Amino acid sequence: MSHAKVVMYTTAVCPYCIRAKQLLAARGVTEIKEIRVDLDPGQLQLMMEKTGRRTVPQIYIGATHVGGCDDLYALDSAGALLPLLCA
């Protein structure tokens, strides 16, 4: 199954990032482009400008900003994650 491109803003030690990656893997995502904001303050600033949020993870599936880990799990619970991944 082909999946939409997944981009995730992360830090090295983030339990929510790990949980989000685990859920995405369970839904068949094999590749996530991680942008480490702890290594590049410029990326942190860009993330905040794009999302209006300061916390990680911030997850994009294709052009859609999903939000953080809780948002990703809510999307999955609503049955909307797989259709978004397959779009």
Foldseek 3Di string as FASTA:
>chain_A
DAWFAKEWEAADDDVQVVLQVVVVVVLPDDDYHYDHCVVPVVVQVVCCVVPVDNDDTFMDGHNDTQGTSVSQVVCVVVVNNNVSTVD
